Amino acid sequence: MNPKISDFGMARICGGNELQANTSRIVGTYGYMSPEYAIEGIFSIKFDVFSFGVLLLEIVSGKKNTGFYRTDTLNLLGYAWDLWRSNRTLELTDAILEDEYSSKQVLLRYVNIALLCVQESADDRPTTNDVVSMLTNEAAALLPPKQPAFSYVRNTVTSTSSTGKTEDCSINQVTISLLEAR
């Protein structure tokens, strides 16, 4: 794989020894931003690792993270996690890549690395140097990933009917989103 990737997004000046900083204006593409940045405005050296993990999952699967909808998962990260936990990870991989790589273990390794990069806690994610090492040294052992961030739909809107059962408020499974400009 020789992807050519560039980002013309945001650049920030930080002190030479700063490993983490806060911002009051969040900019970036949702679905690729780390949870600590998207929710709290905290960015760190692990910010780009999260984005790279999302991108690696997109490359391996041939699917985009944003606009990927399933009933039980929020996005591609949740779908990849479900397949990983049920030992069906190869179902995630793009058929074109399966033909290109004789060893399916390489594709499984890429998914493992991607899931390590998108873990909920920044402390659990590898550093950029660790990611490069994992990608270039196929003999290096990989840790099993923990649940990724932003991976499951949360049913927060429910109502209790007169029968006493808890039900979703939407009877036709339609949601209305409020678009917010950046």
C-alpha atoms as a PDB file:
ATOM      1  CA  MET A   1       0.000   0.000   0.000  1.00  0.00           C
ATOM      2  CA  ASN A   2       1.392   3.363  -1.003  1.00  0.00           C
ATOM      3  CA  PRO A   3      -1.348   5.882  -0.244  1.00  0.00           C
ATOM      4  CA  LYS A   4      -0.746   9.553  -0.887  1.00  0.00           C
ATOM      5  CA  ILE A   5      -2.475  11.510   1.846  1.00  0.00           C
ATOM      6  CA  SER A   6      -2.357  15.207   2.604  1.00  0.00           C
ATOM      7  CA  ASP A   7      -4.167  17.443   5.005  1.00  0.00           C
ATOM      8  CA  PHE A   8      -4.721  21.104   4.372  1.00  0.00           C
ATOM      9  CA  GLY A   9      -6.642  21.518   7.606  1.00  0.00           C
ATOM     10  CA  MET A  10      -5.606  23.333  10.719  1.00  0.00           C
ATOM     11  CA  ALA A  11      -2.197  24.267  11.895  1.00  0.00           C
ATOM     12  CA  ARG A  12      -1.467  25.489  15.404  1.00  0.00           C
ATOM     13  CA  ILE A  13       1.633  26.916  16.979  1.00  0.00           C
ATOM     14  CA  CYS A  14       2.456  25.211  20.248  1.00  0.00           C
ATOM     15  CA  GLY A  15       5.401  25.499  22.569  1.00  0.00           C
ATOM     16  CA  GLY A  16       8.285  23.191  21.745  1.00  0.00           C
ATOM     17  CA  ASN A  17       7.774  21.038  24.821  1.00  0.00           C
ATOM     18  CA  GLU A  18       3.963  21.024  24.833  1.00  0.00           C
ATOM     19  CA  LEU A  19       2.397  17.593  24.521  1.00  0.00           C
ATOM     20  CA  GLN A  20      -1.166  18.812  24.998  1.00  0.00           C
ATOM     21  CA  ALA A  21      -3.093  22.095  24.690  1.00  0.00           C
ATOM     22  CA  ASN A  22      -6.661  23.416  24.659  1.00  0.00           C
ATOM     23  CA  THR A  23      -8.548  25.390  22.058  1.00  0.00           C
ATOM     24  CA  SER A  24     -11.774  27.337  22.263  1.00  0.00           C
ATOM     25  CA  ARG A  25     -12.568  26.975  18.556  1.00  0.00           C
ATOM     26  CA  ILE A  26     -12.944  23.416  17.330  1.00  0.00           C
ATOM     27  CA  VAL A  27     -12.260  22.971  13.626  1.00  0.00           C
ATOM     28  CA  GLY A  28     -11.834  19.811  11.620  1.00  0.00           C
ATOM     29  CA  THR A  29     -13.847  17.071   9.996  1.00  0.00           C
ATOM     30  CA  TYR A  30     -16.206  15.180  12.268  1.00  0.00           C
ATOM     31  CA  GLY A  31     -15.569  11.472  12.107  1.00  0.00           C
ATOM     32  CA  TYR A  32     -11.821  12.030  11.968  1.00  0.00           C
ATOM     33  CA  MET A  33     -11.337  14.164  15.083  1.00  0.00           C
ATOM     34  CA  SER A  34     -10.282  12.485  18.306  1.00  0.00           C
ATOM     35  CA  PRO A  35     -12.949  12.466  21.027  1.00  0.00           C
ATOM     36  CA  GLU A  36     -10.933  14.596  23.432  1.00  0.00           C
ATOM     37  CA  TYR A  37     -10.621  17.287  20.767  1.00  0.00           C
ATOM     38  CA  ALA A  38     -14.156  17.095  19.364  1.00  0.00           C
ATOM     39  CA  ILE A  39     -15.820  17.149  22.798  1.00  0.00           C
ATOM     40  CA  GLU A  40     -13.453  19.085  25.052  1.00  0.00           C
ATOM     41  CA  GLY A  41     -11.182  21.046  22.696  1.00  0.00           C
ATOM     42  CA  ILE A  42      -8.089  19.225  23.968  1.00  0.00           C
ATOM     43  CA  PHE A  43      -5.531  18.320  21.338  1.00  0.00           C
ATOM     44  CA  SER A  44      -2.368  16.364  21.904  1.00  0.00           C
ATOM     45  CA  ILE A  45       0.270  14.312  20.136  1.00  0.00           C
ATOM     46  CA  LYS A  46      -2.320  11.500  19.843  1.00  0.00           C
ATOM     47  CA  PHE A  47      -4.765  13.654  17.810  1.00  0.00           C
ATOM     48  CA  ASP A  48      -3.276  12.662  14.448  1.00  0.00           C
ATOM     49  CA  VAL A  49      -2.974   9.017  15.499  1.00  0.00           C
ATOM     50  CA  PHE A  50      -6.766   8.855  15.876  1.00  0.00           C
ATOM     51  CA  SER A  51      -7.310  10.423  12.437  1.00  0.00           C
ATOM     52  CA  PHE A  52      -4.795   8.038  10.878  1.00  0.00           C
ATOM     53  CA  GLY A  53      -6.607   5.062  12.412  1.00  0.00           C
ATOM     54  CA  VAL A  54      -9.894   6.170  10.849  1.00  0.00           C
ATOM     55  CA  LEU A  55      -8.159   6.652   7.509  1.00  0.00           C
ATOM     56  CA  LEU A  56      -6.484   3.230   7.703  1.00  0.00           C
ATOM     57  CA  LEU A  57      -9.871   1.583   8.369  1.00  0.00           C
ATOM     58  CA  GLU A  58     -11.272   3.410   5.335  1.00  0.00           C
ATOM     59  CA  ILE A  59      -8.408   2.224   3.124  1.00  0.00           C
ATOM     60  CA  VAL A  60      -8.643  -1.405   4.259  1.00  0.00           C
ATOM     61  CA  SER A  61     -12.446  -1.544   4.040  1.00  0.00           C
ATOM     62  CA  GLY A  62     -13.036   0.623   0.975  1.00  0.00           C
ATOM     63  CA  LYS A  63     -15.779   2.401   2.968  1.00  0.00           C
ATOM     64  CA  LYS A  64     -15.995   5.932   4.330  1.00  0.00           C
ATOM     65  CA  ASN A  65     -16.372   6.512   8.052  1.00  0.00           C
ATOM     66  CA  THR A  66     -18.813   9.353   7.563  1.00  0.00           C
ATOM     67  CA  GLY A  67     -22.049   8.333   5.925  1.00  0.00           C
ATOM     68  CA  PHE A  68     -21.611   4.696   6.961  1.00  0.00           C
ATOM     69  CA  TYR A  69     -24.878   3.684   8.588  1.00  0.00           C
ATOM     70  CA  ARG A  70     -25.883   0.452  10.248  1.00  0.00           C
ATOM     71  CA  THR A  71     -28.673  -0.056  12.732  1.00  0.00           C
ATOM     72  CA  ASP A  72     -26.464  -1.222  15.591  1.00  0.00           C
ATOM     73  CA  THR A  73     -23.328   0.870  15.088  1.00  0.00           C
ATOM     74  CA  LEU A  74     -22.776   4.557  14.587  1.00  0.00           C
ATOM     75  CA  ASN A  75     -20.058   4.358  11.946  1.00  0.00           C
ATOM     76  CA  LEU A  76     -17.261   2.357  10.372  1.00  0.00           C
ATOM     77  CA  LEU A  77     -15.365   2.245  13.682  1.00  0.00           C
ATOM     78  CA  GLY A  78     -18.250   0.484  15.423  1.00  0.00           C
ATOM     79  CA  TYR A  79     -18.731  -1.898  12.512  1.00  0.00           C
ATOM     80  CA  ALA A  80     -15.012  -2.785  12.494  1.00  0.00           C
ATOM     81  CA  TRP A  81     -15.098  -3.277  16.267  1.00  0.00           C
ATOM     82  CA  ASP A  82     -18.103  -5.609  16.077  1.00  0.00           C
ATOM     83  CA  LEU A  83     -16.406  -7.710  13.395  1.00  0.00           C
ATOM     84  CA  TRP A  84     -13.139  -7.740  15.367  1.00  0.00           C
ATOM     85  CA  ARG A  85     -14.832  -8.963  18.550  1.00  0.00           C
ATOM     86  CA  SER A  86     -16.672 -11.741  16.707  1.00  0.00           C
ATOM     87  CA  ASN A  87     -13.526 -12.888  14.816  1.00  0.00           C
ATOM     88  CA  ARG A  88     -15.040 -11.905  11.458  1.00  0.00           C
ATOM     89  CA  THR A  89     -12.591  -9.100  10.656  1.00  0.00           C
ATOM     90  CA  LEU A  90     -11.989 -10.268   7.079  1.00  0.00           C
ATOM     91  CA  GLU A  91     -15.619  -9.336   6.297  1.00  0.00           C
ATOM     92  CA  LEU A  92     -14.490  -5.722   6.695  1.00  0.00           C
ATOM     93  CA  THR A  93     -11.709  -5.849   4.117  1.00  0.00           C
ATOM     94  CA  ASP A  94     -12.170  -4.623   0.567  1.00  0.00           C
ATOM     95  CA  ALA A  95     -12.290  -7.507  -1.937  1.00  0.00           C
ATOM     96  CA  ILE A  96      -9.737  -5.725  -4.143  1.00  0.00           C
ATOM     97  CA  LEU A  97      -7.189  -5.828  -1.320  1.00  0.00           C
ATOM     98  CA  GLU A  98      -7.950  -9.472  -0.574  1.00  0.00           C
ATOM     99  CA  ASP A  99      -6.971 -10.307  -4.159  1.00  0.00           C
ATOM    100  CA  GLU A 100      -3.810  -8.191  -3.910  1.00  0.00           C
ATOM    101  CA  TYR A 101      -2.530  -9.647  -0.629  1.00  0.00           C
ATOM    102  CA  SER A 102      -1.863 -13.377  -0.546  1.00  0.00           C
ATOM    103  CA  SER A 103      -1.678 -13.329   3.249  1.00  0.00           C
ATOM    104  CA  LYS A 104      -4.884 -12.302   4.962  1.00  0.00           C
ATOM    105  CA  GLN A 105      -2.791 -11.829   8.118  1.00  0.00           C
ATOM    106  CA  VAL A 106      -1.458  -8.550   6.700  1.00  0.00           C
ATOM    107  CA  LEU A 107      -4.986  -7.174   6.361  1.00  0.00           C
ATOM    108  CA  LEU A 108      -5.901  -8.378   9.853  1.00  0.00           C
ATOM    109  CA  ARG A 109      -2.780  -6.648  11.151  1.00  0.00           C
ATOM    110  CA  TYR A 110      -3.766  -3.352   9.487  1.00  0.00           C
ATOM    111  CA  VAL A 111      -7.231  -3.522  11.065  1.00  0.00           C
ATOM    112  CA  ASN A 112      -5.662  -4.270  14.460  1.00  0.00           C
ATOM    113  CA  ILE A 113      -3.351  -1.256  14.116  1.00  0.00           C
ATOM    114  CA  ALA A 114      -6.244   0.956  13.010  1.00  0.00           C
ATOM    115  CA  LEU A 115      -8.357  -0.113  15.996  1.00  0.00           C
ATOM    116  CA  LEU A 116      -5.441   0.600  18.342  1.00  0.00           C
ATOM    117  CA  CYS A 117      -5.269   4.111  16.869  1.00  0.00           C
ATOM    118  CA  VAL A 118      -8.964   4.906  17.417  1.00  0.00           C
ATOM    119  CA  GLN A 119      -9.304   3.767  21.029  1.00  0.00           C
ATOM    120  CA  GLU A 120     -11.460   6.028  23.190  1.00  0.00           C
ATOM    121  CA  SER A 121      -8.713   7.118  25.570  1.00  0.00           C
ATOM    122  CA  ALA A 122      -5.725   8.971  24.140  1.00  0.00           C
ATOM    123  CA  ASP A 123      -3.552   7.234  26.747  1.00  0.00           C
ATOM    124  CA  ASP A 124      -4.450   3.856  25.210  1.00  0.00           C
ATOM    125  CA  ARG A 125      -3.509   4.900  21.666  1.00  0.00           C
ATOM    126  CA  PRO A 126      -0.001   4.269  20.331  1.00  0.00           C
ATOM    127  CA  THR A 127       2.328   7.133  19.455  1.00  0.00           C
ATOM    128  CA  THR A 128       3.065   7.987  15.839  1.00  0.00           C
ATOM    129  CA  ASN A 129       6.464   6.292  16.158  1.00  0.00           C
ATOM    130  CA  ASP A 130       4.791   3.158  17.518  1.00  0.00           C
ATOM    131  CA  VAL A 131       2.375   3.116  14.561  1.00  0.00           C
ATOM    132  CA  VAL A 132       5.234   3.421  12.065  1.00  0.00           C
ATOM    133  CA  SER A 133       7.057   0.601  13.848  1.00  0.00           C
ATOM    134  CA  MET A 134       3.957  -1.635  13.804  1.00  0.00           C
ATOM    135  CA  LEU A 135       3.436  -1.002  10.082  1.00  0.00           C
ATOM    136  CA  THR A 136       7.041  -1.620   9.072  1.00  0.00           C
ATOM    137  CA  ASN A 137       7.926  -4.480  11.420  1.00  0.00           C
ATOM    138  CA  GLU A 138       5.521  -7.336  10.763  1.00  0.00           C
ATOM    139  CA  ALA A 139       7.197  -9.477  13.426  1.00  0.00           C
ATOM    140  CA  ALA A 140       6.305  -7.032  16.210  1.00  0.00           C
ATOM    141  CA  ALA A 141       3.499  -8.304  18.428  1.00  0.00           C
ATOM    142  CA  LEU A 142       0.355  -6.185  18.626  1.00  0.00           C
ATOM    143  CA  LEU A 143      -1.809  -5.607  21.661  1.00  0.00           C
ATOM    144  CA  PRO A 144      -5.521  -6.334  21.360  1.00  0.00           C
ATOM    145  CA  PRO A 145      -7.490  -3.098  20.919  1.00  0.00           C
ATOM    146  CA  LYS A 146     -10.065  -1.692  23.315  1.00  0.00           C
ATOM    147  CA  GLN A 147     -13.435  -0.298  22.234  1.00  0.00           C
ATOM    148  CA  PRO A 148     -13.041   2.604  19.814  1.00  0.00           C
ATOM    149  CA  ALA A 149     -14.487   6.050  20.355  1.00  0.00           C
ATOM    150  CA  PHE A 150     -17.741   7.145  18.717  1.00  0.00           C
ATOM    151  CA  SER A 151     -18.662   3.597  17.770  1.00  0.00           C
ATOM    152  CA  TYR A 152     -22.177   2.946  19.045  1.00  0.00           C
ATOM    153  CA  VAL A 153     -25.537   4.650  18.801  1.00  0.00           C
ATOM    154  CA  ARG A 154     -26.840   5.726  22.168  1.00  0.00           C
ATOM    155  CA  ASN A 155     -30.583   5.539  22.669  1.00  0.00           C
ATOM    156  CA  THR A 156     -31.014   8.565  24.886  1.00  0.00           C
ATOM    157  CA  VAL A 157     -34.470   9.584  23.738  1.00  0.00           C
ATOM    158  CA  THR A 158     -37.073   7.201  25.058  1.00  0.00           C
ATOM    159  CA  SER A 159     -40.511   7.543  26.510  1.00  0.00           C
ATOM    160  CA  THR A 160     -42.616   5.416  28.785  1.00  0.00           C
ATOM    161  CA  SER A 161     -45.965   4.538  27.275  1.00  0.00           C
ATOM    162  CA  SER A 162     -49.200   3.960  29.163  1.00  0.00           C
ATOM    163  CA  THR A 163     -48.433   0.221  29.080  1.00  0.00           C
ATOM    164  CA  GLY A 164     -45.305   0.831  31.153  1.00  0.00           C
ATOM    165  CA  LYS A 165     -42.918  -0.232  28.376  1.00  0.00           C
ATOM    166  CA  THR A 166     -40.018   1.978  27.381  1.00  0.00           C
ATOM    167  CA  GLU A 167     -40.192   2.843  23.691  1.00  0.00           C
ATOM    168  CA  ASP A 168     -38.217   4.917  21.226  1.00  0.00           C
ATOM    169  CA  CYS A 169     -39.827   8.275  20.567  1.00  0.00           C
ATOM    170  CA  SER A 170     -39.431   7.880  16.810  1.00  0.00           C
ATOM    171  CA  ILE A 171     -41.917   5.386  15.430  1.00  0.00           C
ATOM    172  CA  ASN A 172     -40.567   5.528  11.881  1.00  0.00           C
ATOM    173  CA  GLN A 173     -36.828   5.417  12.723  1.00  0.00           C
ATOM    174  CA  VAL A 174     -36.329   8.901  11.233  1.00  0.00           C
ATOM    175  CA  THR A 175     -34.129  11.391  13.017  1.00  0.00           C
ATOM    176  CA  ILE A 176     -33.913  15.092  12.435  1.00  0.00           C
ATOM    177  CA  SER A 177     -30.497  16.662  12.705  1.00  0.00           C
ATOM    178  CA  LEU A 178     -29.765  20.293  13.317  1.00  0.00           C
ATOM    179  CA  LEU A 179     -26.959  21.392  11.035  1.00  0.00           C
ATOM    180  CA  GLU A 180     -24.440  23.661  12.684  1.00  0.00           C
ATOM    181  CA  ALA A 181     -22.039  25.762  10.639  1.00  0.00           C
ATOM    182  CA  ARG A 182     -18.396  25.850  11.605  1.00  0.00           C
END
